[in-house]
Amino acid sequence: MIVFDLQCRDGGETFEAWFRSGADYEEQRSAGLIECPFCRSANVEKAPMAPRVPKKGAANPIARLASMQAQMLKDSRWVGDKFAETARAMHNGDVEREQVHGSATLEQAKSLVDEGVPVAPLPLPVTPPNQVN
């Protein structure tokens, strides 16, 4: 199926019409089968229209971002609201370093950054494991 914007050359109205193909449109137009739905004139032609071509790979950027985040977190351990405490302890050498993720207040996050603790916000919210059904 293909959709064309058509324009009535008598009344100036623009409307949308669906066809099996461009050739099908041409056959119907030549046979006088296409008419304006407003004034019934058969003096109808294709209207200028922008192409409807999606960007390559841009079908669902949120899904792609979610997939990338899930890949990043697959080997990471959820520490919940103990994130700031855990990250600080790892940075200070009090506990073994590992990949962790959790939640922190803005104040806690700023404090970690000020202390030189390497942290980064996640682009999308994370559902805690105990809340996943």
N, C-alpha and C. Protein backbone atom coordinates (compact mmCIF):
# COMPACT_ATOMS: atom_id res chain seq x y z
N MET A 1 0.84 -1.18 0.00
CA MET A 1 0.00 0.00 0.00
C MET A 1 0.89 1.25 0.00
N ILE A 2 0.37 2.27 -0.61
CA ILE A 2 1.07 3.56 -0.66
C ILE A 2 0.04 4.66 -0.43
N VAL A 3 0.47 5.69 0.27
CA VAL A 3 -0.44 6.81 0.54
C VAL A 3 0.09 8.04 -0.21
N PHE A 4 -0.81 8.76 -0.83
CA PHE A 4 -0.46 10.00 -1.51
C PHE A 4 -1.32 11.12 -0.95
N ASP A 5 -0.72 12.30 -0.87
CA ASP A 5 -1.50 13.51 -0.63
C ASP A 5 -1.95 13.98 -2.00
N LEU A 6 -3.25 14.15 -2.16
CA LEU A 6 -3.81 14.60 -3.43
C LEU A 6 -4.41 15.98 -3.25
N GLN A 7 -4.43 16.75 -4.35
CA GLN A 7 -4.97 18.10 -4.28
C GLN A 7 -5.95 18.33 -5.41
N CYS A 8 -7.08 18.90 -5.06
CA CYS A 8 -8.10 19.25 -6.04
C CYS A 8 -7.64 20.54 -6.73
N ARG A 9 -7.53 20.50 -8.05
CA ARG A 9 -7.09 21.67 -8.82
C ARG A 9 -8.22 22.69 -8.99
N ASP A 10 -9.46 22.28 -8.71
CA ASP A 10 -10.57 23.21 -8.80
C ASP A 10 -10.80 23.95 -7.49
N GLY A 11 -10.89 23.20 -6.39
CA GLY A 11 -11.19 23.81 -5.09
C GLY A 11 -9.96 24.07 -4.22
N GLY A 12 -8.84 23.41 -4.53
CA GLY A 12 -7.61 23.62 -3.76
C GLY A 12 -7.48 22.76 -2.53
N GLU A 13 -8.49 21.93 -2.22
CA GLU A 13 -8.42 21.09 -1.03
C GLU A 13 -7.35 20.00 -1.21
N THR A 14 -6.69 19.68 -0.10
CA THR A 14 -5.72 18.59 -0.09
C THR A 14 -6.28 17.47 0.77
N PHE A 15 -6.14 16.24 0.30
CA PHE A 15 -6.64 15.08 1.04
C PHE A 15 -5.71 13.89 0.80
N GLU A 16 -5.87 12.89 1.62
CA GLU A 16 -5.02 11.71 1.57
C GLU A 16 -5.78 10.57 0.91
N ALA A 17 -5.07 9.75 0.10
CA ALA A 17 -5.70 8.59 -0.52
C ALA A 17 -4.68 7.44 -0.56
N TRP A 18 -5.20 6.23 -0.39
CA TRP A 18 -4.37 5.02 -0.37
C TRP A 18 -4.55 4.24 -1.67
N PHE A 19 -3.43 3.68 -2.16
CA PHE A 19 -3.45 2.90 -3.39
C PHE A 19 -2.57 1.67 -3.22
N ARG A 20 -2.82 0.64 -4.05
CA ARG A 20 -1.97 -0.55 -4.00
C ARG A 20 -0.56 -0.26 -4.47
N SER A 21 -0.42 0.70 -5.39
CA SER A 21 0.89 1.05 -5.94
C SER A 21 0.78 2.38 -6.65
N GLY A 22 1.93 2.91 -7.07
CA GLY A 22 1.92 4.14 -7.86
C GLY A 22 1.24 3.93 -9.20
N ALA A 23 1.42 2.74 -9.77
CA ALA A 23 0.78 2.42 -11.05
C ALA A 23 -0.74 2.36 -10.89
N ASP A 24 -1.20 1.83 -9.75
CA ASP A 24 -2.64 1.77 -9.48
C ASP A 24 -3.23 3.18 -9.42
N TYR A 25 -2.49 4.09 -8.78
CA TYR A 25 -2.94 5.49 -8.74
C TYR A 25 -3.09 6.04 -10.16
N GLU A 26 -2.05 5.83 -11.00
CA GLU A 26 -2.06 6.36 -12.37
C GLU A 26 -3.23 5.79 -13.18
N GLU A 27 -3.48 4.48 -13.02
CA GLU A 27 -4.60 3.84 -13.74
C GLU A 27 -5.94 4.45 -13.32
N GLN A 28 -6.16 4.61 -12.01
CA GLN A 28 -7.42 5.17 -11.52
C GLN A 28 -7.58 6.62 -11.95
N ARG A 29 -6.49 7.38 -11.92
CA ARG A 29 -6.55 8.79 -12.31
C ARG A 29 -6.88 8.92 -13.80
N SER A 30 -6.21 8.10 -14.62
CA SER A 30 -6.47 8.13 -16.08
C SER A 30 -7.90 7.75 -16.41
N ALA A 31 -8.47 6.84 -15.60
CA ALA A 31 -9.85 6.39 -15.85
C ALA A 31 -10.87 7.34 -15.23
N GLY A 32 -10.42 8.41 -14.57
CA GLY A 32 -11.34 9.37 -13.97
C GLY A 32 -12.02 8.85 -12.71
N LEU A 33 -11.41 7.87 -12.05
CA LEU A 33 -12.01 7.26 -10.87
C LEU A 33 -11.67 7.99 -9.56
N ILE A 34 -10.72 8.90 -9.62
CA ILE A 34 -10.35 9.64 -8.41
C ILE A 34 -11.01 11.00 -8.46
N GLU A 35 -11.70 11.33 -7.38
CA GLU A 35 -12.33 12.65 -7.33
C GLU A 35 -12.19 13.26 -5.95
N CYS A 36 -12.31 14.56 -5.89
CA CYS A 36 -12.21 15.31 -4.65
C CYS A 36 -13.39 14.95 -3.74
N PRO A 37 -13.14 14.58 -2.49
CA PRO A 37 -14.24 14.23 -1.60
C PRO A 37 -15.06 15.44 -1.17
N PHE A 38 -14.58 16.65 -1.45
CA PHE A 38 -15.29 17.86 -1.04
C PHE A 38 -16.22 18.38 -2.13
N CYS A 39 -15.68 18.45 -3.39
CA CYS A 39 -16.50 19.04 -4.47
C CYS A 39 -16.80 18.05 -5.60
N ARG A 40 -16.29 16.86 -5.50
CA ARG A 40 -16.49 15.78 -6.48
C ARG A 40 -15.82 16.05 -7.83
N SER A 41 -14.90 16.99 -7.92
CA SER A 41 -14.18 17.25 -9.15
C SER A 41 -13.17 16.13 -9.39
N ALA A 42 -13.00 15.74 -10.65
CA ALA A 42 -12.00 14.73 -11.02
C ALA A 42 -10.68 15.39 -11.40
N ASN A 43 -10.62 16.69 -11.29
CA ASN A 43 -9.39 17.44 -11.60
C ASN A 43 -8.47 17.38 -10.37
N VAL A 44 -7.90 16.20 -10.15
CA VAL A 44 -7.10 15.92 -8.95
C VAL A 44 -5.72 15.46 -9.37
N GLU A 45 -4.70 15.94 -8.67
CA GLU A 45 -3.31 15.53 -8.92
C GLU A 45 -2.59 15.32 -7.59
N LYS A 46 -1.43 14.67 -7.67
CA LYS A 46 -0.63 14.49 -6.46
C LYS A 46 -0.19 15.86 -5.94
N ALA A 47 -0.28 16.03 -4.64
CA ALA A 47 0.19 17.26 -4.00
C ALA A 47 1.65 17.06 -3.60
N PRO A 48 2.42 18.15 -3.54
CA PRO A 48 3.79 18.01 -3.05
C PRO A 48 3.75 17.48 -1.61
N MET A 49 4.63 16.53 -1.31
CA MET A 49 4.66 15.99 0.04
C MET A 49 6.08 15.58 0.39
N ALA A 50 6.38 15.65 1.68
CA ALA A 50 7.69 15.25 2.17
C ALA A 50 7.74 13.73 2.23
N PRO A 51 8.89 13.15 1.92
CA PRO A 51 8.99 11.70 2.01
C PRO A 51 8.89 11.22 3.45
N ARG A 52 8.27 10.09 3.66
CA ARG A 52 8.13 9.51 4.99
C ARG A 52 9.14 8.37 5.13
N VAL A 53 10.39 8.73 5.28
CA VAL A 53 11.46 7.74 5.39
C VAL A 53 12.04 7.80 6.79
N PRO A 54 11.90 6.72 7.59
CA PRO A 54 12.47 6.74 8.93
C PRO A 54 13.99 6.67 8.88
N LYS A 55 14.64 7.26 9.86
CA LYS A 55 16.09 7.17 9.95
C LYS A 55 16.50 5.74 10.22
N LYS A 56 17.60 5.32 9.64
CA LYS A 56 18.09 3.97 9.85
C LYS A 56 18.45 3.79 11.32
N GLY A 57 17.94 2.73 11.92
CA GLY A 57 18.27 2.41 13.31
C GLY A 57 17.57 3.29 14.33
N ALA A 58 16.66 4.14 13.91
CA ALA A 58 16.00 5.04 14.86
C ALA A 58 14.58 4.60 15.16
N ALA A 59 14.31 3.32 14.96
CA ALA A 59 12.94 2.84 15.14
C ALA A 59 12.44 3.08 16.56
N ASN A 60 13.27 2.80 17.54
CA ASN A 60 12.85 3.01 18.92
C ASN A 60 14.08 3.32 19.77
N PRO A 61 14.47 4.60 19.84
CA PRO A 61 15.70 4.95 20.57
C PRO A 61 15.62 4.62 22.06
N ILE A 62 14.44 4.69 22.66
CA ILE A 62 14.32 4.36 24.09
C ILE A 62 14.59 2.88 24.31
N ALA A 63 14.07 2.03 23.43
CA ALA A 63 14.30 0.59 23.55
C ALA A 63 15.79 0.29 23.40
N ARG A 64 16.44 0.97 22.47
CA ARG A 64 17.89 0.75 22.29
C ARG A 64 18.65 1.20 23.53
N LEU A 65 18.28 2.34 24.09
CA LEU A 65 18.93 2.85 25.30
C LEU A 65 18.70 1.89 26.47
N ALA A 66 17.48 1.40 26.60
CA ALA A 66 17.16 0.45 27.68
C ALA A 66 17.97 -0.83 27.52
N SER A 67 18.13 -1.29 26.30
CA SER A 67 18.91 -2.50 26.04
C SER A 67 20.38 -2.28 26.40
N MET A 68 20.91 -1.13 26.04
CA MET A 68 22.31 -0.82 26.37
C MET A 68 22.49 -0.73 27.88
N GLN A 69 21.55 -0.10 28.57
CA GLN A 69 21.65 0.01 30.03
C GLN A 69 21.57 -1.37 30.67
N ALA A 70 20.67 -2.21 30.20
CA ALA A 70 20.54 -3.57 30.75
C ALA A 70 21.84 -4.35 30.55
N GLN A 71 22.48 -4.18 29.42
CA GLN A 71 23.76 -4.84 29.15
C GLN A 71 24.82 -4.36 30.13
N MET A 72 24.84 -3.05 30.39
CA MET A 72 25.81 -2.48 31.34
C MET A 72 25.59 -3.04 32.74
N LEU A 73 24.34 -3.24 33.12
CA LEU A 73 24.02 -3.64 34.49
C LEU A 73 23.98 -5.15 34.71
N LYS A 74 24.15 -5.94 33.65
CA LYS A 74 23.99 -7.39 33.81
C LYS A 74 24.99 -8.00 34.79
N ASP A 75 26.19 -7.43 34.91
CA ASP A 75 27.19 -7.93 35.84
C ASP A 75 27.34 -7.02 37.06
N SER A 76 26.34 -6.20 37.30
CA SER A 76 26.38 -5.25 38.41
C SER A 76 25.42 -5.72 39.51
N ARG A 77 25.78 -5.45 40.74
CA ARG A 77 24.96 -5.87 41.88
C ARG A 77 24.14 -4.68 42.40
N TRP A 78 22.86 -4.90 42.63
CA TRP A 78 21.96 -3.88 43.17
C TRP A 78 22.24 -3.74 44.66
N VAL A 79 22.53 -2.49 45.10
CA VAL A 79 22.77 -2.23 46.52
C VAL A 79 21.72 -1.29 47.10
N GLY A 80 20.73 -0.93 46.30
CA GLY A 80 19.62 -0.11 46.77
C GLY A 80 20.06 1.24 47.32
N ASP A 81 19.45 1.63 48.44
CA ASP A 81 19.75 2.94 49.02
C ASP A 81 21.08 2.96 49.77
N LYS A 82 21.82 1.88 49.72
CA LYS A 82 23.17 1.82 50.32
C LYS A 82 24.24 2.15 49.27
N PHE A 83 23.80 2.70 48.13
CA PHE A 83 24.75 2.97 47.05
C PHE A 83 25.88 3.90 47.48
N ALA A 84 25.56 5.04 48.05
CA ALA A 84 26.59 6.02 48.43
C ALA A 84 27.57 5.40 49.42
N GLU A 85 27.05 4.73 50.42
CA GLU A 85 27.87 4.08 51.44
C GLU A 85 28.78 3.01 50.81
N THR A 86 28.23 2.19 49.91
CA THR A 86 28.99 1.12 49.26
C THR A 86 30.06 1.68 48.34
N ALA A 87 29.69 2.67 47.52
CA ALA A 87 30.66 3.27 46.60
C ALA A 87 31.81 3.93 47.35
N ARG A 88 31.50 4.61 48.43
CA ARG A 88 32.53 5.27 49.24
C ARG A 88 33.46 4.22 49.87
N ALA A 89 32.89 3.13 50.40
CA ALA A 89 33.70 2.08 51.02
C ALA A 89 34.62 1.42 50.00
N MET A 90 34.15 1.20 48.79
CA MET A 90 35.00 0.62 47.74
C MET A 90 36.11 1.60 47.37
N HIS A 91 35.77 2.87 47.24
CA HIS A 91 36.75 3.90 46.87
C HIS A 91 37.85 4.01 47.93
N ASN A 92 37.47 3.88 49.19
CA ASN A 92 38.44 3.99 50.29
C ASN A 92 39.20 2.69 50.53
N GLY A 93 38.85 1.61 49.84
CA GLY A 93 39.55 0.34 50.01
C GLY A 93 39.05 -0.47 51.19
N ASP A 94 37.93 -0.08 51.78
CA ASP A 94 37.38 -0.81 52.92
C ASP A 94 36.72 -2.12 52.51
N VAL A 95 36.21 -2.19 51.30
CA VAL A 95 35.61 -3.42 50.76
C VAL A 95 36.14 -3.62 49.34
N GLU A 96 36.04 -4.87 48.87
CA GLU A 96 36.52 -5.19 47.53
C GLU A 96 35.70 -4.45 46.48
N ARG A 97 36.38 -3.97 45.45
CA ARG A 97 35.70 -3.25 44.37
C ARG A 97 34.91 -4.22 43.50
N GLU A 98 33.74 -3.77 43.11
CA GLU A 98 32.87 -4.51 42.19
C GLU A 98 31.94 -3.52 41.52
N GLN A 99 31.28 -3.98 40.50
CA GLN A 99 30.31 -3.14 39.80
C GLN A 99 29.01 -3.15 40.60
N VAL A 100 28.52 -1.97 41.03
CA VAL A 100 27.28 -1.88 41.78
C VAL A 100 26.40 -0.77 41.21
N HIS A 101 25.13 -0.88 41.48
CA HIS A 101 24.19 0.19 41.14
C HIS A 101 23.12 0.23 42.22
N GLY A 102 22.53 1.39 42.38
CA GLY A 102 21.52 1.58 43.41
C GLY A 102 20.95 2.98 43.31
N SER A 103 20.49 3.49 44.44
CA SER A 103 19.90 4.83 44.43
C SER A 103 20.64 5.72 45.42
N ALA A 104 20.67 7.00 45.10
CA ALA A 104 21.30 7.99 45.96
C ALA A 104 20.56 9.30 45.80
N THR A 105 20.56 10.09 46.85
CA THR A 105 19.96 11.42 46.75
C THR A 105 20.91 12.31 45.97
N LEU A 106 20.43 13.43 45.51
CA LEU A 106 21.27 14.38 44.79
C LEU A 106 22.42 14.84 45.69
N GLU A 107 22.13 15.07 46.95
CA GLU A 107 23.16 15.50 47.91
C GLU A 107 24.23 14.42 48.07
N GLN A 108 23.81 13.15 48.18
CA GLN A 108 24.76 12.05 48.30
C GLN A 108 25.62 11.94 47.05
N ALA A 109 25.02 12.06 45.89
CA ALA A 109 25.76 11.96 44.63
C ALA A 109 26.78 13.08 44.50
N LYS A 110 26.39 14.31 44.86
CA LYS A 110 27.33 15.44 44.80
C LYS A 110 28.49 15.21 45.76
N SER A 111 28.20 14.69 46.93
CA SER A 111 29.23 14.41 47.92
C SER A 111 30.23 13.37 47.39
N LEU A 112 29.73 12.32 46.74
CA LEU A 112 30.61 11.31 46.16
C LEU A 112 31.51 11.91 45.09
N VAL A 113 30.95 12.73 44.23
CA VAL A 113 31.73 13.38 43.17
C VAL A 113 32.79 14.29 43.79
N ASP A 114 32.42 15.07 44.81
CA ASP A 114 33.37 15.96 45.48
C ASP A 114 34.53 15.18 46.10
N GLU A 115 34.26 13.96 46.55
CA GLU A 115 35.29 13.12 47.16
C GLU A 115 36.13 12.37 46.12
N GLY A 116 35.77 12.49 44.86
CA GLY A 116 36.52 11.81 43.81
C GLY A 116 36.09 10.38 43.56
N VAL A 117 34.95 9.99 44.12
CA VAL A 117 34.43 8.64 43.92
C VAL A 117 33.85 8.56 42.50
N PRO A 118 34.31 7.61 41.68
CA PRO A 118 33.80 7.53 40.30
C PRO A 118 32.37 6.98 40.26
N VAL A 119 31.42 7.84 39.96
CA VAL A 119 30.02 7.46 39.84
C VAL A 119 29.44 8.11 38.59
N ALA A 120 28.37 7.54 38.11
CA ALA A 120 27.68 8.11 36.94
C ALA A 120 26.20 7.81 37.06
N PRO A 121 25.35 8.76 36.69
CA PRO A 121 23.91 8.51 36.73
C PRO A 121 23.51 7.59 35.58
N LEU A 122 22.49 6.79 35.80
CA LEU A 122 21.95 5.95 34.74
C LEU A 122 20.93 6.76 33.95
N PRO A 123 20.87 6.56 32.64
CA PRO A 123 19.93 7.36 31.83
C PRO A 123 18.47 7.02 32.07
N LEU A 124 18.18 5.79 32.48
CA LEU A 124 16.79 5.38 32.70
C LEU A 124 16.63 4.85 34.12
N PRO A 125 15.45 4.96 34.71
CA PRO A 125 15.22 4.43 36.05
C PRO A 125 15.41 2.91 36.06
N VAL A 126 15.81 2.39 37.22
CA VAL A 126 16.00 0.96 37.39
C VAL A 126 15.00 0.45 38.42
N THR A 127 14.33 -0.63 38.09
CA THR A 127 13.41 -1.25 39.03
C THR A 127 14.20 -2.16 39.95
N PRO A 128 14.09 -1.97 41.26
CA PRO A 128 14.81 -2.85 42.19
C PRO A 128 14.41 -4.30 41.98
N PRO A 129 15.36 -5.23 42.12
CA PRO A 129 15.07 -6.65 41.86
C PRO A 129 13.89 -7.20 42.66
N ASN A 130 13.69 -6.73 43.88
CA ASN A 130 12.58 -7.24 44.69
C ASN A 130 11.22 -6.72 44.23
N GLN A 131 11.21 -5.79 43.28
CA GLN A 131 9.95 -5.25 42.76
C GLN A 131 9.62 -5.76 41.36
N VAL A 132 10.48 -6.60 40.81
CA VAL A 132 10.25 -7.17 39.48
C VAL A 132 9.41 -8.41 39.62
N ASN A 133 8.35 -8.51 38.82
CA ASN A 133 7.49 -9.69 38.94
C ASN A 133 7.79 -10.70 37.87
